[in-house]
Amino acid sequence: MESKMRKLVKADEVPEGEIVGVTLPDGKQLAIYNVRGQFYVTDDRCTHGEALLSEDGELDDCIVECSWHFGAFDVTTGEAKAMPCTQALRTYQSELKDGWVVAEVSADGS
């Protein structure tokens, strides 16, 4: 599928150190993180316990910890950083454009 940059959320709706979840029209759930004014986008579901990181996660600098089992990921790379998480989070290329956080997501949401 062809990828394109999609508007996800206005940047001012994601305060520094916070996580905001969005659901695309196809149902795909993404998490947007503001780390020191830089925005990162990943899948919203923890790869271990299926928790929504935007609801059940705690962001500390660039590390999001899932409150279900205390696994953690680096939101800048998706790398699993703490057990029981071993599978990386999928990340998406993102940027700030005209006050919006946009990310490269394919037409089918992948």
Protein backbone atom coordinates (compact mmCIF):
# COMPACT_ATOMS: atom_id res chain seq x y z
CA MET A 1 0.00 0.00 0.00
CA GLU A 2 1.12 3.53 -0.70
CA SER A 3 2.14 5.55 2.34
CA LYS A 4 1.27 9.18 2.89
CA MET A 5 1.59 11.73 5.63
CA ARG A 6 -1.63 11.91 7.64
CA LYS A 7 -2.67 14.61 10.10
CA LEU A 8 -3.08 13.02 13.51
CA VAL A 9 -3.51 15.72 16.16
CA LYS A 10 -2.76 19.39 16.70
CA ALA A 11 0.65 19.69 18.35
CA ASP A 12 -0.67 21.91 21.14
CA GLU A 13 -3.02 19.08 22.19
CA VAL A 14 -0.02 16.93 23.20
CA PRO A 15 1.69 18.65 26.16
CA GLU A 16 5.37 17.98 26.74
CA GLY A 17 5.86 14.67 28.58
CA GLU A 18 2.39 13.42 27.66
CA ILE A 19 0.84 10.74 25.42
CA VAL A 20 -2.27 11.17 23.28
CA GLY A 21 -4.03 8.35 21.46
CA VAL A 22 -5.74 8.65 18.09
CA THR A 23 -7.81 6.20 16.11
CA LEU A 24 -7.59 6.30 12.32
CA PRO A 25 -10.72 5.85 10.19
CA ASP A 26 -9.80 2.18 9.62
CA GLY A 27 -9.66 1.58 13.38
CA LYS A 28 -5.86 1.54 13.73
CA GLN A 29 -4.81 3.03 17.07
CA LEU A 30 -1.69 5.20 17.35
CA ALA A 31 0.03 6.89 20.28
CA ILE A 32 1.63 10.32 19.94
CA TYR A 33 4.34 11.28 22.44
CA ASN A 34 5.84 14.72 23.13
CA VAL A 35 9.44 14.25 24.28
CA ARG A 36 11.07 17.63 24.98
CA GLY A 37 9.11 19.22 22.13
CA GLN A 38 9.78 16.41 19.64
CA PHE A 39 6.84 14.26 18.56
CA TYR A 40 7.01 10.49 18.10
CA VAL A 41 4.32 8.10 16.89
CA THR A 42 3.97 4.38 17.62
CA ASP A 43 1.26 1.75 17.64
CA ASP A 44 -0.84 2.37 20.74
CA ARG A 45 -0.98 -1.24 21.96
CA CYS A 46 1.71 -2.72 24.18
CA THR A 47 3.25 -5.69 22.38
CA HIS A 48 3.05 -7.78 25.54
CA GLY A 49 -0.32 -7.29 27.19
CA GLU A 50 -2.37 -5.37 24.63
CA ALA A 51 -2.83 -2.36 26.94
CA LEU A 52 -3.36 1.01 25.28
CA LEU A 53 -0.20 2.96 26.02
CA SER A 54 -2.03 6.28 25.60
CA GLU A 55 -4.34 5.28 28.47
CA ASP A 56 -2.22 2.90 30.57
CA GLY A 57 1.29 4.15 29.82
CA GLU A 58 3.54 6.54 31.72
CA LEU A 59 6.09 8.59 29.75
CA ASP A 60 9.45 9.33 31.38
CA ASP A 61 11.65 11.22 28.92
CA CYS A 62 11.67 8.89 25.87
CA ILE A 63 10.63 5.72 27.74
CA VAL A 64 6.99 4.69 27.98
CA GLU A 65 6.17 2.18 30.71
CA CYS A 66 3.03 0.07 30.48
CA SER A 67 1.26 -0.03 33.83
CA TRP A 68 -0.19 -3.50 33.22
CA HIS A 69 3.08 -5.44 33.67
CA PHE A 70 5.69 -2.64 33.81
CA GLY A 71 7.27 -3.43 30.46
CA ALA A 72 8.79 -0.43 28.71
CA PHE A 73 9.72 0.88 25.26
CA ASP A 74 11.88 3.65 23.82
CA VAL A 75 9.34 5.71 21.86
CA THR A 76 12.05 7.12 19.58
CA THR A 77 12.96 3.67 18.22
CA GLY A 78 10.22 1.31 19.44
CA GLU A 79 12.84 -0.86 21.14
CA ALA A 80 11.61 -2.96 24.07
CA LYS A 81 13.53 -1.75 27.14
CA ALA A 82 12.10 -3.74 30.08
CA MET A 83 10.68 -7.22 30.58
CA PRO A 84 8.23 -8.74 30.03
CA CYS A 85 8.22 -6.83 26.72
CA THR A 86 10.51 -8.35 24.11
CA GLN A 87 8.84 -7.32 20.84
CA ALA A 88 9.44 -3.75 19.66
CA LEU A 89 6.62 -1.27 19.14
CA ARG A 90 6.02 -0.29 15.55
CA THR A 91 7.09 3.32 14.99
CA TYR A 92 6.05 5.76 12.27
CA GLN A 93 8.00 8.57 10.64
CA SER A 94 6.46 11.77 11.95
CA GLU A 95 6.95 15.52 11.73
CA LEU A 96 5.35 18.79 12.69
CA LYS A 97 3.57 20.52 9.81
CA ASP A 98 1.45 23.66 10.07
CA GLY A 99 0.87 23.04 13.78
CA TRP A 100 -0.15 19.39 13.30
CA VAL A 101 1.65 16.17 14.13
CA VAL A 102 1.63 14.16 10.93
CA ALA A 103 2.88 10.63 10.38
CA GLU A 104 3.59 8.40 7.44
CA VAL A 105 0.90 5.73 7.55
CA SER A 106 -0.22 3.64 4.60
CA ALA A 107 -3.74 3.84 3.22
CA ASP A 108 -4.61 0.57 4.99
CA GLY A 109 -3.28 1.93 8.31
CA SER A 110 -0.07 -0.10 8.33
